Amino acid sequence: CTCLLLDTDRALVLLEEYCKKLKKPEEQQLKKAIRKVMGIFKSSLFQALLDGFTKKATRHGIISHPSLPAAVAYDVLGCPKA
């Protein structure tokens, strides 16, 4: 799904922007953890699982559009949802 890819890309951009702001020594552990999450978002396994979840949830009327990766990034970063 194109929407799924766009949301994942948007989440990755948000996480990358946040990582760039983490410069203090005490923030490096958080930066490392965020980079791990980014690696997971980029993985083919995550994409396949998310695609399957999205198709099933949409089919059952649970969600109307795939926005899970961006929602996770917004929640983690405390950003207002756009």
PDB file of N, CA and C in Angstrom:
ATOM      1  N   CYS A   1       0.840  -1.200   0.000  1.00  0.00           N
ATOM      2  CA  CYS A   1       0.000   0.000   0.000  1.00  0.00           C
ATOM      3  C   CYS A   1       0.877   1.252   0.000  1.00  0.00           C
ATOM      4  N   THR A   2       0.610   2.160  -0.892  1.00  0.00           N
ATOM      5  CA  THR A   2       1.391   3.380  -1.002  1.00  0.00           C
ATOM      6  C   THR A   2       1.271   4.226   0.260  1.00  0.00           C
ATOM      7  N   CYS A   3       0.081   4.269   0.858  1.00  0.00           N
ATOM      8  CA  CYS A   3      -0.118   5.044   2.088  1.00  0.00           C
ATOM      9  C   CYS A   3       0.775   4.516   3.197  1.00  0.00           C
ATOM     10  N   LEU A   4       0.874   3.215   3.277  1.00  0.00           N
ATOM     11  CA  LEU A   4       1.708   2.585   4.295  1.00  0.00           C
ATOM     12  C   LEU A   4       3.154   3.018   4.151  1.00  0.00           C
ATOM     13  N   LEU A   5       3.661   2.996   2.924  1.00  0.00           N
ATOM     14  CA  LEU A   5       5.046   3.397   2.679  1.00  0.00           C
ATOM     15  C   LEU A   5       5.257   4.869   3.009  1.00  0.00           C
ATOM     16  N   LEU A   6       4.292   5.701   2.664  1.00  0.00           N
ATOM     17  CA  LEU A   6       4.417   7.125   2.952  1.00  0.00           C
ATOM     18  C   LEU A   6       4.417   7.384   4.446  1.00  0.00           C
ATOM     19  N   ASP A   7       3.570   6.688   5.198  1.00  0.00           N
ATOM     20  CA  ASP A   7       3.536   6.868   6.648  1.00  0.00           C
ATOM     21  C   ASP A   7       4.826   6.389   7.293  1.00  0.00           C
ATOM     22  N   THR A   8       5.353   5.280   6.811  1.00  0.00           N
ATOM     23  CA  THR A   8       6.616   4.783   7.338  1.00  0.00           C
ATOM     24  C   THR A   8       7.729   5.772   7.038  1.00  0.00           C
ATOM     25  N   ASP A   9       7.748   6.285   5.835  1.00  0.00           N
ATOM     26  CA  ASP A   9       8.754   7.285   5.471  1.00  0.00           C
ATOM     27  C   ASP A   9       8.633   8.531   6.330  1.00  0.00           C
ATOM     28  N   ARG A  10       7.410   8.961   6.584  1.00  0.00           N
ATOM     29  CA  ARG A  10       7.189  10.149   7.415  1.00  0.00           C
ATOM     30  C   ARG A  10       7.666   9.902   8.843  1.00  0.00           C
ATOM     31  N   ALA A  11       7.391   8.710   9.360  1.00  0.00           N
ATOM     32  CA  ALA A  11       7.855   8.356  10.707  1.00  0.00           C
ATOM     33  C   ALA A  11       9.377   8.355  10.765  1.00  0.00           C
ATOM     34  N   LEU A  12      10.013   7.809   9.737  1.00  0.00           N
ATOM     35  CA  LEU A  12      11.477   7.768   9.700  1.00  0.00           C
ATOM     36  C   LEU A  12      12.070   9.174   9.643  1.00  0.00           C
ATOM     37  N   VAL A  13      11.453  10.054   8.879  1.00  0.00           N
ATOM     38  CA  VAL A  13      11.925  11.440   8.797  1.00  0.00           C
ATOM     39  C   VAL A  13      11.819  12.116  10.161  1.00  0.00           C
ATOM     40  N   LEU A  14      10.687  11.934  10.838  1.00  0.00           N
ATOM     41  CA  LEU A  14      10.491  12.523  12.164  1.00  0.00           C
ATOM     42  C   LEU A  14      11.523  12.003  13.166  1.00  0.00           C
ATOM     43  N   LEU A  15      11.755  10.706  13.135  1.00  0.00           N
ATOM     44  CA  LEU A  15      12.724  10.115  14.057  1.00  0.00           C
ATOM     45  C   LEU A  15      14.135  10.594  13.745  1.00  0.00           C
ATOM     46  N   GLU A  16      14.478  10.704  12.481  1.00  0.00           N
ATOM     47  CA  GLU A  16      15.812  11.186  12.088  1.00  0.00           C
ATOM     48  C   GLU A  16      16.012  12.635  12.538  1.00  0.00           C
ATOM     49  N   GLU A  17      15.005  13.468  12.354  1.00  0.00           N
ATOM     50  CA  GLU A  17      15.094  14.869  12.792  1.00  0.00           C
ATOM     51  C   GLU A  17      15.302  14.946  14.306  1.00  0.00           C
ATOM     52  N   TYR A  18      14.586  14.104  15.032  1.00  0.00           N
ATOM     53  CA  TYR A  18      14.720  14.095  16.485  1.00  0.00           C
ATOM     54  C   TYR A  18      16.117  13.634  16.893  1.00  0.00           C
ATOM     55  N   CYS A  19      16.633  12.614  16.219  1.00  0.00           N
ATOM     56  CA  CYS A  19      17.981  12.097  16.529  1.00  0.00           C
ATOM     57  C   CYS A  19      19.043  13.176  16.346  1.00  0.00           C
ATOM     58  N   LYS A  20      18.866  13.994  15.334  1.00  0.00           N
ATOM     59  CA  LYS A  20      19.848  15.057  15.075  1.00  0.00           C
ATOM     60  C   LYS A  20      19.916  16.058  16.235  1.00  0.00           C
ATOM     61  N   LYS A  21      18.854  16.177  17.000  1.00  0.00           N
ATOM     62  CA  LYS A  21      18.808  17.105  18.123  1.00  0.00           C
ATOM     63  C   LYS A  21      19.456  16.528  19.380  1.00  0.00           C
ATOM     64  N   LEU A  22      19.688  15.224  19.391  1.00  0.00           N
ATOM     65  CA  LEU A  22      20.240  14.559  20.572  1.00  0.00           C
ATOM     66  C   LEU A  22      21.766  14.618  20.518  1.00  0.00           C
ATOM     67  N   LYS A  23      22.342  15.590  21.204  1.00  0.00           N
ATOM     68  CA  LYS A  23      23.782  15.808  21.152  1.00  0.00           C
ATOM     69  C   LYS A  23      24.477  15.612  22.498  1.00  0.00           C
ATOM     70  N   LYS A  24      23.739  15.727  23.587  1.00  0.00           N
ATOM     71  CA  LYS A  24      24.334  15.608  24.913  1.00  0.00           C
ATOM     72  C   LYS A  24      24.732  14.162  25.186  1.00  0.00           C
ATOM     73  N   PRO A  25      25.795  13.960  25.964  1.00  0.00           N
ATOM     74  CA  PRO A  25      26.233  12.589  26.284  1.00  0.00           C
ATOM     75  C   PRO A  25      25.127  11.737  26.907  1.00  0.00           C
ATOM     76  N   GLU A  26      24.313  12.339  27.761  1.00  0.00           N
ATOM     77  CA  GLU A  26      23.256  11.574  28.426  1.00  0.00           C
ATOM     78  C   GLU A  26      22.096  11.221  27.478  1.00  0.00           C
ATOM     79  N   GLU A  27      22.098  11.795  26.284  1.00  0.00           N
ATOM     80  CA  GLU A  27      21.050  11.509  25.303  1.00  0.00           C
ATOM     81  C   GLU A  27      21.464  10.419  24.304  1.00  0.00           C
ATOM     82  N   GLN A  28      22.690   9.968  24.383  1.00  0.00           N
ATOM     83  CA  GLN A  28      23.196   9.017  23.394  1.00  0.00           C
ATOM     84  C   GLN A  28      22.535   7.651  23.484  1.00  0.00           C
ATOM     85  N   GLN A  29      22.156   7.236  24.679  1.00  0.00           N
ATOM     86  CA  GLN A  29      21.455   5.962  24.813  1.00  0.00           C
ATOM     87  C   GLN A  29      20.085   6.034  24.136  1.00  0.00           C
ATOM     88  N   LEU A  30      19.388   7.153  24.317  1.00  0.00           N
ATOM     89  CA  LEU A  30      18.102   7.364  23.660  1.00  0.00           C
ATOM     90  C   LEU A  30      18.292   7.384  22.146  1.00  0.00           C
ATOM     91  N   LYS A  31      19.320   8.069  21.684  1.00  0.00           N
ATOM     92  CA  LYS A  31      19.612   8.142  20.251  1.00  0.00           C
ATOM     93  C   LYS A  31      19.840   6.741  19.677  1.00  0.00           C
ATOM     94  N   LYS A  32      20.571   5.925  20.401  1.00  0.00           N
ATOM     95  CA  LYS A  32      20.843   4.555  19.969  1.00  0.00           C
ATOM     96  C   LYS A  32      19.541   3.757  19.879  1.00  0.00           C
ATOM     97  N   ALA A  33      18.667   3.918  20.857  1.00  0.00           N
ATOM     98  CA  ALA A  33      17.389   3.209  20.869  1.00  0.00           C
ATOM     99  C   ALA A  33      16.507   3.657  19.696  1.00  0.00           C
ATOM    100  N   ILE A  34      16.490   4.939  19.422  1.00  0.00           N
ATOM    101  CA  ILE A  34      15.693   5.456  18.306  1.00  0.00           C
ATOM    102  C   ILE A  34      16.226   4.916  16.990  1.00  0.00           C
ATOM    103  N   ARG A  35      17.533   4.842  16.862  1.00  0.00           N
ATOM    104  CA  ARG A  35      18.139   4.284  15.632  1.00  0.00           C
ATOM    105  C   ARG A  35      17.742   2.812  15.460  1.00  0.00           C
ATOM    106  N   LYS A  36      17.619   2.075  16.560  1.00  0.00           N
ATOM    107  CA  LYS A  36      17.161   0.685  16.479  1.00  0.00           C
ATOM    108  C   LYS A  36      15.732   0.637  15.952  1.00  0.00           C
ATOM    109  N   VAL A  37      14.886   1.522  16.467  1.00  0.00           N
ATOM    110  CA  VAL A  37      13.496   1.584  15.997  1.00  0.00           C
ATOM    111  C   VAL A  37      13.466   1.913  14.510  1.00  0.00           C
ATOM    112  N   MET A  38      14.312   2.837  14.095  1.00  0.00           N
ATOM    113  CA  MET A  38      14.372   3.194  12.682  1.00  0.00           C
ATOM    114  C   MET A  38      14.779   1.990  11.833  1.00  0.00           C
ATOM    115  N   GLY A  39      15.717   1.213  12.331  1.00  0.00           N
ATOM    116  CA  GLY A  39      16.135   0.006  11.625  1.00  0.00           C
ATOM    117  C   GLY A  39      14.988  -0.985  11.489  1.00  0.00           C
ATOM    118  N   ILE A  40      14.190  -1.087  12.539  1.00  0.00           N
ATOM    119  CA  ILE A  40      13.019  -1.975  12.497  1.00  0.00           C
ATOM    120  C   ILE A  40      12.016  -1.470  11.466  1.00  0.00           C
ATOM    121  N   PHE A  41      11.741  -0.160  11.469  1.00  0.00           N
ATOM    122  CA  PHE A  41      10.806   0.407  10.492  1.00  0.00           C
ATOM    123  C   PHE A  41      11.269   0.146   9.061  1.00  0.00           C
ATOM    124  N   LYS A  42      12.580   0.125   8.850  1.00  0.00           N
ATOM    125  CA  LYS A  42      13.132  -0.079   7.506  1.00  0.00           C
ATOM    126  C   LYS A  42      13.175  -1.550   7.100  1.00  0.00           C
ATOM    127  N   SER A  43      13.004  -2.441   8.053  1.00  0.00           N
ATOM    128  CA  SER A  43      13.149  -3.868   7.760  1.00  0.00           C
ATOM    129  C   SER A  43      11.990  -4.389   6.911  1.00  0.00           C
ATOM    130  N   SER A  44      12.307  -5.366   6.073  1.00  0.00           N
ATOM    131  CA  SER A  44      11.276  -5.971   5.230  1.00  0.00           C
ATOM    132  C   SER A  44      10.279  -6.760   6.079  1.00  0.00           C
ATOM    133  N   LEU A  45      10.737  -7.332   7.182  1.00  0.00           N
ATOM    134  CA  LEU A  45       9.828  -8.060   8.066  1.00  0.00           C
ATOM    135  C   LEU A  45       8.778  -7.117   8.647  1.00  0.00           C
ATOM    136  N   PHE A  46       9.198  -5.956   9.153  1.00  0.00           N
ATOM    137  CA  PHE A  46       8.253  -4.986   9.705  1.00  0.00           C
ATOM    138  C   PHE A  46       7.260  -4.545   8.640  1.00  0.00           C
ATOM    139  N   GLN A  47       7.764  -4.255   7.451  1.00  0.00           N
ATOM    140  CA  GLN A  47       6.890  -3.811   6.368  1.00  0.00           C
ATOM    141  C   GLN A  47       5.853  -4.881   6.032  1.00  0.00           C
ATOM    142  N   ALA A  48       6.283  -6.135   5.986  1.00  0.00           N
ATOM    143  CA  ALA A  48       5.358  -7.223   5.677  1.00  0.00           C
ATOM    144  C   ALA A  48       4.315  -7.398   6.781  1.00  0.00           C
ATOM    145  N   LEU A  49       4.757  -7.348   8.029  1.00  0.00           N
ATOM    146  CA  LEU A  49       3.821  -7.484   9.147  1.00  0.00           C
ATOM    147  C   LEU A  49       2.828  -6.336   9.186  1.00  0.00           C
ATOM    148  N   LEU A  50       3.319  -5.131   8.985  1.00  0.00           N
ATOM    149  CA  LEU A  50       2.457  -3.956   9.013  1.00  0.00           C
ATOM    150  C   LEU A  50       1.462  -3.983   7.855  1.00  0.00           C
ATOM    151  N   ASP A  51       1.932  -4.409   6.701  1.00  0.00           N
ATOM    152  CA  ASP A  51       1.056  -4.504   5.544  1.00  0.00           C
ATOM    153  C   ASP A  51      -0.055  -5.516   5.801  1.00  0.00           C
ATOM    154  N   GLY A  52       0.312  -6.661   6.362  1.00  0.00           N
ATOM    155  CA  GLY A  52      -0.690  -7.676   6.681  1.00  0.00           C
ATOM    156  C   GLY A  52      -1.684  -7.184   7.715  1.00  0.00           C
ATOM    157  N   PHE A  53      -1.188  -6.526   8.761  1.00  0.00           N
ATOM    158  CA  PHE A  53      -2.054  -5.967   9.799  1.00  0.00           C
ATOM    159  C   PHE A  53      -3.005  -4.937   9.197  1.00  0.00           C
ATOM    160  N   THR A  54      -2.465  -4.065   8.371  1.00  0.00           N
ATOM    161  CA  THR A  54      -3.267  -2.990   7.785  1.00  0.00           C
ATOM    162  C   THR A  54      -4.372  -3.549   6.899  1.00  0.00           C
ATOM    163  N   LYS A  55      -4.015  -4.520   6.073  1.00  0.00           N
ATOM    164  CA  LYS A  55      -5.023  -5.118   5.185  1.00  0.00           C
ATOM    165  C   LYS A  55      -6.132  -5.793   5.994  1.00  0.00           C
ATOM    166  N   LYS A  56      -5.744  -6.533   7.022  1.00  0.00           N
ATOM    167  CA  LYS A  56      -6.723  -7.236   7.846  1.00  0.00           C
ATOM    168  C   LYS A  56      -7.591  -6.247   8.623  1.00  0.00           C
ATOM    169  N   ALA A  57      -6.983  -5.250   9.222  1.00  0.00           N
ATOM    170  CA  ALA A  57      -7.734  -4.264  10.009  1.00  0.00           C
ATOM    171  C   ALA A  57      -8.671  -3.455   9.127  1.00  0.00           C
ATOM    172  N   THR A  58      -8.208  -3.093   7.939  1.00  0.00           N
ATOM    173  CA  THR A  58      -9.042  -2.333   7.012  1.00  0.00           C
ATOM    174  C   THR A  58     -10.228  -3.182   6.561  1.00  0.00           C
ATOM    175  N   ARG A  59      -9.952  -4.449   6.274  1.00  0.00           N
ATOM    176  CA  ARG A  59     -10.999  -5.375   5.825  1.00  0.00           C
ATOM    177  C   ARG A  59     -12.075  -5.542   6.904  1.00  0.00           C
ATOM    178  N   HIS A  60     -11.673  -5.509   8.168  1.00  0.00           N
ATOM    179  CA  HIS A  60     -12.617  -5.679   9.272  1.00  0.00           C
ATOM    180  C   HIS A  60     -13.171  -4.347   9.786  1.00  0.00           C
ATOM    181  N   GLY A  61     -12.804  -3.255   9.135  1.00  0.00           N
ATOM    182  CA  GLY A  61     -13.332  -1.951   9.511  1.00  0.00           C
ATOM    183  C   GLY A  61     -12.733  -1.367  10.774  1.00  0.00           C
ATOM    184  N   ILE A  62     -11.599  -1.913  11.226  1.00  0.00           N
ATOM    185  CA  ILE A  62     -10.980  -1.418  12.454  1.00  0.00           C
ATOM    186  C   ILE A  62     -10.293  -0.078  12.209  1.00  0.00           C
ATOM    187  N   ILE A  63      -9.624   0.041  11.067  1.00  0.00           N
ATOM    188  CA  ILE A  63      -8.996   1.308  10.701  1.00  0.00           C
ATOM    189  C   ILE A  63      -9.376   1.647   9.275  1.00  0.00           C
ATOM    190  N   SER A  64      -9.403   2.920   8.970  1.00  0.00           N
ATOM    191  CA  SER A  64      -9.788   3.332   7.623  1.00  0.00           C
ATOM    192  C   SER A  64      -8.575   3.665   6.765  1.00  0.00           C
ATOM    193  N   HIS A  65      -7.407   3.862   7.405  1.00  0.00           N
ATOM    194  CA  HIS A  65      -6.185   4.113   6.644  1.00  0.00           C
ATOM    195  C   HIS A  65      -4.978   3.704   7.476  1.00  0.00           C
ATOM    196  N   PRO A  66      -3.910   3.262   6.806  1.00  0.00           N
ATOM    197  CA  PRO A  66      -2.727   2.798   7.536  1.00  0.00           C
ATOM    198  C   PRO A  66      -1.867   3.963   8.016  1.00  0.00           C
ATOM    199  N   SER A  67      -1.840   4.187   9.309  1.00  0.00           N
ATOM    200  CA  SER A  67      -1.057   5.301   9.829  1.00  0.00           C
ATOM    201  C   SER A  67      -0.257   4.913  11.064  1.00  0.00           C
ATOM    202  N   LEU A  68      -0.069   3.625  11.291  1.00  0.00           N
ATOM    203  CA  LEU A  68       0.593   3.160  12.502  1.00  0.00           C
ATOM    204  C   LEU A  68       2.019   3.686  12.664  1.00  0.00           C
ATOM    205  N   PRO A  69       2.909   3.603  11.658  1.00  0.00           N
ATOM    206  CA  PRO A  69       4.279   4.082  11.882  1.00  0.00           C
ATOM    207  C   PRO A  69       4.343   5.565  12.240  1.00  0.00           C
ATOM    208  N   ALA A  70       3.607   6.387  11.539  1.00  0.00           N
ATOM    209  CA  ALA A  70       3.626   7.819  11.836  1.00  0.00           C
ATOM    210  C   ALA A  70       3.033   8.091  13.209  1.00  0.00           C
ATOM    211  N   ALA A  71       1.977   7.396  13.565  1.00  0.00           N
ATOM    212  CA  ALA A  71       1.367   7.578  14.884  1.00  0.00           C
ATOM    213  C   ALA A  71       2.350   7.227  15.987  1.00  0.00           C
ATOM    214  N   VAL A  72       3.096   6.138  15.798  1.00  0.00           N
ATOM    215  CA  VAL A  72       4.110   5.750  16.782  1.00  0.00           C
ATOM    216  C   VAL A  72       5.167   6.846  16.900  1.00  0.00           C
ATOM    217  N   ALA A  73       5.651   7.339  15.774  1.00  0.00           N
ATOM    218  CA  ALA A  73       6.674   8.390  15.797  1.00  0.00           C
ATOM    219  C   ALA A  73       6.138   9.649  16.471  1.00  0.00           C
ATOM    220  N   TYR A  74       4.919  10.049  16.140  1.00  0.00           N
ATOM    221  CA  TYR A  74       4.333  11.235  16.770  1.00  0.00           C
ATOM    222  C   TYR A  74       4.231  11.053  18.276  1.00  0.00           C
ATOM    223  N   ASP A  75       3.780   9.883  18.709  1.00  0.00           N
ATOM    224  CA  ASP A  75       3.632   9.617  20.151  1.00  0.00           C
ATOM    225  C   ASP A  75       4.979   9.625  20.848  1.00  0.00           C
ATOM    226  N   VAL A  76       5.975   8.973  20.250  1.00  0.00           N
ATOM    227  CA  VAL A  76       7.310   8.920  20.848  1.00  0.00           C
ATOM    228  C   VAL A  76       7.902  10.310  20.980  1.00  0.00           C
ATOM    229  N   LEU A  77       7.708  11.134  19.953  1.00  0.00           N
ATOM    230  CA  LEU A  77       8.304  12.467  19.924  1.00  0.00           C
ATOM    231  C   LEU A  77       7.432  13.522  20.598  1.00  0.00           C
ATOM    232  N   GLY A  78       6.220  13.164  20.953  1.00  0.00           N
ATOM    233  CA  GLY A  78       5.322  14.125  21.582  1.00  0.00           C
ATOM    234  C   GLY A  78       4.866  15.216  20.638  1.00  0.00           C
ATOM    235  N   CYS A  79       4.817  14.894  19.351  1.00  0.00           N
ATOM    236  CA  CYS A  79       4.402  15.878  18.346  1.00  0.00           C
ATOM    237  C   CYS A  79       2.891  15.883  18.212  1.00  0.00           C
ATOM    238  N   PRO A  80       2.334  17.039  17.863  1.00  0.00           N
ATOM    239  CA  PRO A  80       0.897  17.046  17.550  1.00  0.00           C
ATOM    240  C   PRO A  80       0.689  16.276  16.267  1.00  0.00           C
ATOM    241  N   LYS A  81      -0.398  15.531  16.186  1.00  0.00           N
ATOM    242  CA  LYS A  81      -0.679  14.761  14.969  1.00  0.00           C
ATOM    243  C   LYS A  81      -1.151  15.688  13.865  1.00  0.00           C
ATOM    244  N   ALA A  82      -0.521  15.536  12.716  1.00  0.00           N
ATOM    245  CA  ALA A  82      -0.862  16.408  11.577  1.00  0.00           C
ATOM    246  C   ALA A  82      -1.957  15.799  10.753  1.00  0.00           C
TER     247      ALA A  82
END
